[in-house]
Amino acid sequence: MEKSNDSSEYSFILVGFSDRPKLEMVLFIVNFTLYSVAVLGNSTIILVCILDPRLRTPMYFFLANLSFLDLCFSTSCIPQMLVNLWGPDKTISYAGCVVQLFSFLSVGGIECILLAVMAYDRYAAVCKPLHYMVIMHPQLCLRLVAVAWGSGLVNAIVMSPLTMTLSRCGRRRVNHFLCEMPALIKMACVDARAVEMLAFTFAILIVLLPLTLILVSYGYIAAAVLRIKSAAGRRKAFNTCSSHLTVVSLFYGSIIYMYMQPGNSSSQDQGKFLTLFYNLVTPMLNPLIYTLRNKEVKGALKKVLGRQ
């Protein structure tokens, strides 16, 4: 594989939505609002999980981790995008691009695996309720989170250098609003099929394998719920899992559509809006989904706000 010999000597130009100048100010207002809501919502979830003793359980430990990852996910690129939308300067330094790519790959990978861990937690809560606290003991929770973080970091440590060292023959224009791996690979002026295949392999391990574990967990959960005779019991079990299932559907739906397609099968504009969805809209919705459908979180919020 040929390496780029002009790596740190130039900045990149993030094309973003500059081909639609009338749309840029609208996107700035909308994205600034969504980002503010995402930061406020996820920060609140983390704060509530720390302050309220009733939320010191495995489920809320994982939820606080998810909120932290959502904060990192959005913050890795949205502030830079807002700067580029606001003015004529669309550049990002080489170092900034590296940091953005590494953050995006690592946090995205961690979140995929963490959602599988949360599905296992819901399986233990619904299918093994009497042994839940024995199964999901603090040491196991810490190990599962450590595995998620380690796997995401390995993905970023391997794929970031391979992507950034592809020769681009002086090309600086990234047809995206962030330094995302597919957009950077498409800029290469050498054969990048080996990198694409490695990225596809990592996608199978980090996206499809955790998704399979999630589906298996919910298969067992569905079977357990169907065995519950009372309507109230089934409703309680459904409420226990519905928030997580909604978050999984939003996140994995867009991720799979983006990354599990080899080559150039999705259009550039479609890719930008899909990335914006799972990078901003999903982190903004997650706190709302968990808060609106969870009495314990709503009760903890009222307590922290001094309303009870």
Protein backbone atom coordinates (compact mmCIF):
# COMPACT_ATOMS: atom_id res chain seq x y z
CA MET A 1 0.00 0.00 0.00
CA GLU A 2 1.40 3.35 -1.01
CA LYS A 3 1.63 5.94 1.74
CA SER A 4 0.86 9.60 1.48
CA ASN A 5 3.99 11.75 1.55
CA ASP A 6 2.08 14.99 2.08
CA SER A 7 0.30 14.04 5.28
CA SER A 8 0.77 16.83 7.81
CA GLU A 9 1.61 19.59 5.35
CA TYR A 10 -1.94 20.56 4.42
CA SER A 11 -5.44 20.93 5.72
CA PHE A 12 -8.57 19.35 4.33
CA ILE A 13 -11.61 21.11 2.92
CA LEU A 14 -14.88 19.73 4.26
CA VAL A 15 -17.31 20.28 1.39
CA GLY A 16 -20.32 19.47 3.56
CA PHE A 17 -23.39 21.25 2.29
CA SER A 18 -21.53 24.13 0.57
CA ASP A 19 -23.13 23.18 -2.75
CA ARG A 20 -26.43 24.29 -1.17
CA PRO A 21 -25.62 27.72 0.33
CA LYS A 22 -29.26 28.55 1.04
CA LEU A 23 -29.55 25.40 3.11
CA GLU A 24 -26.47 26.10 5.23
CA MET A 25 -28.01 28.70 7.56
CA VAL A 26 -31.12 26.56 8.04
CA LEU A 27 -28.91 23.58 8.87
CA PHE A 28 -26.84 25.72 11.26
CA ILE A 29 -29.94 26.73 13.25
CA VAL A 30 -31.44 23.23 13.26
CA ASN A 31 -28.17 21.47 14.10
CA PHE A 32 -27.22 23.98 16.80
CA THR A 33 -30.61 23.44 18.43
CA LEU A 34 -30.39 19.63 18.20
CA TYR A 35 -26.81 19.63 19.49
CA SER A 36 -27.75 21.83 22.45
CA VAL A 37 -30.63 19.49 23.31
CA ALA A 38 -28.32 16.45 22.95
CA VAL A 39 -25.68 17.95 25.25
CA LEU A 40 -28.26 19.03 27.84
CA GLY A 41 -30.19 15.75 27.74
CA ASN A 42 -27.20 13.41 27.95
CA SER A 43 -25.47 15.53 30.62
CA THR A 44 -28.68 15.40 32.65
CA ILE A 45 -28.90 11.60 32.35
CA ILE A 46 -25.28 11.23 33.54
CA LEU A 47 -25.81 13.66 36.43
CA VAL A 48 -29.05 11.98 37.55
CA CYS A 49 -27.48 8.50 37.41
CA ILE A 50 -24.61 9.72 39.60
CA LEU A 51 -26.67 11.69 42.13
CA ASP A 52 -29.67 9.43 42.72
CA PRO A 53 -28.88 6.29 44.79
CA ARG A 54 -31.96 4.52 43.34
CA LEU A 55 -30.32 4.57 39.90
CA ARG A 56 -27.11 2.84 40.98
CA THR A 57 -28.02 -0.38 39.21
CA PRO A 58 -26.45 -2.12 36.17
CA MET A 59 -29.11 -0.76 33.80
CA TYR A 60 -28.41 2.86 34.72
CA PHE A 61 -24.65 2.30 34.85
CA PHE A 62 -24.84 1.25 31.20
CA LEU A 63 -27.24 4.11 30.42
CA ALA A 64 -24.80 6.67 31.88
CA ASN A 65 -22.05 5.16 29.71
CA LEU A 66 -24.32 5.39 26.65
CA SER A 67 -25.06 9.05 27.39
CA PHE A 68 -21.33 9.79 27.76
CA LEU A 69 -20.64 8.09 24.42
CA ASP A 70 -23.45 10.05 22.76
CA LEU A 71 -21.87 13.27 24.06
CA CYS A 72 -18.49 12.24 22.64
CA PHE A 73 -20.05 11.08 19.37
CA SER A 74 -21.77 14.39 18.66
CA THR A 75 -18.96 16.57 20.00
CA SER A 76 -16.39 14.81 17.79
CA CYS A 77 -17.76 16.54 14.68
CA ILE A 78 -20.83 18.76 15.24
CA PRO A 79 -18.95 21.85 16.60
CA GLN A 80 -16.61 21.77 13.57
CA MET A 81 -19.59 21.38 11.26
CA LEU A 82 -21.32 24.38 12.87
CA VAL A 83 -18.19 26.50 12.33
CA ASN A 84 -18.09 25.46 8.67
CA LEU A 85 -21.80 26.12 8.19
CA TRP A 86 -21.54 29.59 9.73
CA GLY A 87 -18.83 31.05 7.51
CA PRO A 88 -16.97 30.63 4.23
CA ASP A 89 -14.02 28.78 5.77
CA LYS A 90 -14.57 25.02 5.31
CA THR A 91 -11.09 23.84 6.30
CA ILE A 92 -9.97 21.43 8.99
CA SER A 93 -6.32 20.78 9.86
CA TYR A 94 -4.73 17.40 9.19
CA ALA A 95 -4.38 16.80 12.94
CA GLY A 96 -8.01 17.82 13.45
CA CYS A 97 -9.08 15.37 10.76
CA VAL A 98 -7.09 12.56 12.42
CA VAL A 99 -8.64 13.29 15.82
CA GLN A 100 -12.12 13.44 14.29
CA LEU A 101 -11.70 10.15 12.43
CA PHE A 102 -10.23 8.36 15.47
CA SER A 103 -12.97 9.66 17.77
CA PHE A 104 -15.70 8.75 15.30
CA LEU A 105 -14.43 5.18 14.74
CA SER A 106 -13.71 4.46 18.40
CA VAL A 107 -16.89 5.90 19.91
CA GLY A 108 -19.07 4.40 17.17
CA GLY A 109 -17.55 0.95 17.77
CA ILE A 110 -17.87 1.24 21.55
CA GLU A 111 -21.53 2.22 21.27
CA CYS A 112 -22.36 -0.73 18.99
CA ILE A 113 -20.98 -3.19 21.54
CA LEU A 114 -22.41 -1.33 24.54
CA LEU A 115 -25.91 -1.65 23.05
CA ALA A 116 -25.35 -5.44 22.90
CA VAL A 117 -24.25 -5.38 26.55
CA MET A 118 -27.42 -3.47 27.45
CA ALA A 119 -29.50 -6.09 25.58
CA TYR A 120 -27.87 -8.83 27.69
CA ASP A 121 -28.69 -6.80 30.80
CA ARG A 122 -32.36 -6.64 29.73
CA TYR A 123 -32.29 -10.40 29.04
CA ALA A 124 -31.04 -11.05 32.58
CA ALA A 125 -33.67 -8.69 34.05
CA VAL A 126 -36.63 -10.28 32.21
CA CYS A 127 -35.59 -13.93 31.89
CA LYS A 128 -33.64 -14.35 35.17
CA PRO A 129 -35.26 -11.79 37.50
CA LEU A 130 -34.55 -13.69 40.74
CA HIS A 131 -30.85 -14.00 39.89
CA TYR A 132 -30.46 -10.62 38.17
CA MET A 133 -28.23 -8.95 40.77
CA VAL A 134 -26.11 -12.11 41.09
CA ILE A 135 -25.62 -12.33 37.30
CA MET A 136 -25.06 -8.61 36.71
CA HIS A 137 -22.65 -8.05 39.58
CA PRO A 138 -20.50 -4.87 39.54
CA GLN A 139 -17.31 -6.67 38.44
CA LEU A 140 -19.07 -8.17 35.38
CA CYS A 141 -20.56 -4.78 34.48
CA LEU A 142 -17.12 -3.17 34.58
CA ARG A 143 -15.62 -5.98 32.48
CA LEU A 144 -18.36 -5.75 29.86
CA VAL A 145 -17.89 -1.98 29.56
CA ALA A 146 -14.10 -2.48 29.38
CA VAL A 147 -14.57 -4.99 26.51
CA ALA A 148 -16.77 -2.46 24.67
CA TRP A 149 -14.22 0.32 25.10
CA GLY A 150 -11.28 -1.92 24.19
CA SER A 151 -12.96 -3.21 21.02
CA GLY A 152 -13.88 0.28 19.81
CA LEU A 153 -10.36 1.57 20.45
CA VAL A 154 -8.79 -1.36 18.58
CA ASN A 155 -11.04 -0.57 15.60
CA ALA A 156 -9.90 3.06 15.61
CA ILE A 157 -6.21 2.24 16.24
CA VAL A 158 -6.14 -0.10 13.22
CA MET A 159 -8.37 1.74 10.73
CA SER A 160 -7.39 5.38 11.38
CA PRO A 161 -3.71 5.08 10.32
CA LEU A 162 -4.58 2.86 7.35
CA THR A 163 -7.15 5.39 6.13
CA MET A 164 -5.02 8.49 6.69
CA THR A 165 -1.87 7.06 5.06
CA LEU A 166 -3.60 6.26 1.76
CA SER A 167 -2.06 8.40 -0.98
CA ARG A 168 -4.45 11.11 -2.13
CA CYS A 169 -2.17 12.77 -4.73
CA GLY A 170 -2.78 16.21 -3.22
CA ARG A 171 -6.57 15.90 -3.09
CA ARG A 172 -7.91 17.95 -0.18
CA ARG A 173 -11.67 18.14 -0.74
CA VAL A 174 -13.61 15.75 1.53
CA ASN A 175 -17.11 15.37 0.15
CA HIS A 176 -18.64 15.27 3.63
CA PHE A 177 -19.11 17.49 6.67
CA LEU A 178 -16.61 15.45 8.71
CA CYS A 179 -13.53 13.28 8.21
CA GLU A 180 -15.43 10.02 7.90
CA MET A 181 -13.68 6.86 6.76
CA PRO A 182 -15.68 6.12 3.56
CA ALA A 183 -15.29 9.71 2.31
CA LEU A 184 -11.53 9.67 2.98
CA ILE A 185 -11.09 6.28 1.28
CA LYS A 186 -12.88 7.55 -1.83
CA MET A 187 -10.27 10.34 -2.11
CA ALA A 188 -7.43 7.84 -2.54
CA CYS A 189 -5.62 7.78 -5.86
CA VAL A 190 -4.35 4.22 -5.24
CA ASP A 191 -6.12 0.89 -5.00
CA ALA A 192 -7.88 0.99 -1.61
CA ARG A 193 -9.77 -2.30 -1.90
CA ALA A 194 -7.65 -3.92 0.84
CA VAL A 195 -8.57 -1.12 3.27
CA GLU A 196 -12.23 -1.32 2.24
CA MET A 197 -12.30 -5.07 2.83
CA LEU A 198 -10.64 -4.69 6.23
CA ALA A 199 -13.20 -1.99 7.13
CA PHE A 200 -15.97 -4.34 6.01
CA THR A 201 -14.50 -7.11 8.20
CA PHE A 202 -14.40 -4.81 11.23
CA ALA A 203 -17.98 -3.79 10.46
CA ILE A 204 -19.04 -7.44 10.63
CA LEU A 205 -17.29 -7.87 14.00
CA ILE A 206 -18.35 -4.56 15.54
CA VAL A 207 -21.76 -4.02 13.93
CA LEU A 208 -23.25 -7.33 12.80
CA LEU A 209 -21.96 -9.58 15.60
CA PRO A 210 -23.31 -7.34 18.42
CA LEU A 211 -26.56 -6.94 16.47
CA THR A 212 -26.86 -10.74 16.30
CA LEU A 213 -26.38 -10.93 20.08
CA ILE A 214 -29.06 -8.26 20.52
CA LEU A 215 -31.53 -10.17 18.34
CA VAL A 216 -30.82 -13.43 20.20
CA SER A 217 -31.31 -11.67 23.56
CA TYR A 218 -34.62 -10.21 22.44
CA GLY A 219 -35.68 -13.58 21.03
CA TYR A 220 -35.32 -15.05 24.53
CA ILE A 221 -37.02 -11.98 26.03
CA ALA A 222 -39.99 -12.30 23.63
CA ALA A 223 -40.37 -16.00 24.52
CA ALA A 224 -40.27 -15.16 28.24
CA VAL A 225 -42.84 -12.36 27.85
CA LEU A 226 -45.23 -14.68 25.97
CA ARG A 227 -45.08 -17.10 28.92
CA ILE A 228 -46.24 -14.37 31.33
CA LYS A 229 -49.95 -14.92 31.97
CA SER A 230 -50.94 -11.51 33.37
CA ALA A 231 -51.37 -8.49 31.09
CA ALA A 232 -49.76 -6.28 33.75
CA GLY A 233 -46.67 -8.50 33.83
CA ARG A 234 -46.33 -8.47 30.05
CA ARG A 235 -46.72 -4.68 30.03
CA LYS A 236 -44.02 -4.29 32.69
CA ALA A 237 -41.64 -6.54 30.75
CA PHE A 238 -42.34 -4.62 27.54
CA ASN A 239 -41.73 -1.28 29.24
CA THR A 240 -38.43 -2.63 30.61
CA CYS A 241 -37.12 -3.28 27.09
CA SER A 242 -38.97 -0.88 24.77
CA SER A 243 -36.65 2.12 25.31
CA HIS A 244 -33.53 0.13 24.56
CA LEU A 245 -35.14 -1.56 21.56
CA THR A 246 -36.11 1.85 20.13
CA VAL A 247 -32.55 3.18 20.56
CA VAL A 248 -31.09 0.03 18.95
CA SER A 249 -33.43 0.37 15.95
CA LEU A 250 -32.51 4.03 15.39
CA PHE A 251 -28.77 3.58 15.77
CA TYR A 252 -28.23 0.25 14.03
CA GLY A 253 -30.65 0.99 11.20
CA SER A 254 -28.64 3.95 9.94
CA ILE A 255 -25.23 2.41 10.75
CA ILE A 256 -25.92 -0.80 8.80
CA TYR A 257 -27.28 1.11 5.81
CA MET A 258 -24.14 3.25 5.73
CA TYR A 259 -21.32 0.80 6.46
CA MET A 260 -22.47 -2.64 5.36
CA GLN A 261 -22.61 -1.66 1.68
CA PRO A 262 -19.34 -2.26 -0.21
CA GLY A 263 -18.17 0.34 -2.72
CA ASN A 264 -20.13 3.41 -3.77
CA SER A 265 -23.66 2.04 -3.47
CA SER A 266 -25.09 4.96 -1.50
CA SER A 267 -25.18 8.50 -2.84
CA GLN A 268 -22.99 11.22 -1.34
CA ASP A 269 -25.92 13.39 -0.18
CA GLN A 270 -27.75 10.40 1.26
CA GLY A 271 -24.62 9.47 3.19
CA LYS A 272 -24.28 12.96 4.65
CA PHE A 273 -27.84 13.05 5.96
CA LEU A 274 -27.63 9.49 7.32
CA THR A 275 -24.40 10.37 9.15
CA LEU A 276 -26.07 13.48 10.53
CA PHE A 277 -28.96 11.32 11.73
CA TYR A 278 -26.95 8.80 13.76
CA ASN A 279 -24.38 11.41 14.83
CA LEU A 280 -26.81 14.05 16.06
CA VAL A 281 -30.49 13.06 15.92
CA THR A 282 -30.04 9.70 17.67
CA PRO A 283 -27.94 11.14 20.56
CA MET A 284 -30.55 13.88 20.92
CA LEU A 285 -33.45 11.39 21.01
CA ASN A 286 -31.87 8.84 23.38
CA PRO A 287 -32.34 10.85 26.62
CA LEU A 288 -35.92 11.70 25.60
CA ILE A 289 -36.70 8.04 24.86
CA TYR A 290 -35.32 6.83 28.19
CA THR A 291 -36.84 9.70 30.18
CA LEU A 292 -40.34 9.70 28.68
CA ARG A 293 -40.75 5.92 29.03
CA ASN A 294 -39.10 5.45 32.42
CA LYS A 295 -40.77 6.33 35.71
CA GLU A 296 -37.55 5.87 37.71
CA VAL A 297 -35.63 8.39 35.61
CA LYS A 298 -38.54 10.86 35.71
CA GLY A 299 -38.74 10.45 39.49
CA ALA A 300 -34.98 10.98 39.85
CA LEU A 301 -35.18 14.10 37.67
CA LYS A 302 -37.92 15.56 39.88
CA LYS A 303 -35.84 14.77 42.95
CA VAL A 304 -32.71 16.43 41.54
CA LEU A 305 -34.76 19.46 40.50
CA GLY A 306 -36.21 19.65 44.01
CA ARG A 307 -39.81 18.99 43.03
CA GLN A 308 -40.33 16.12 45.45
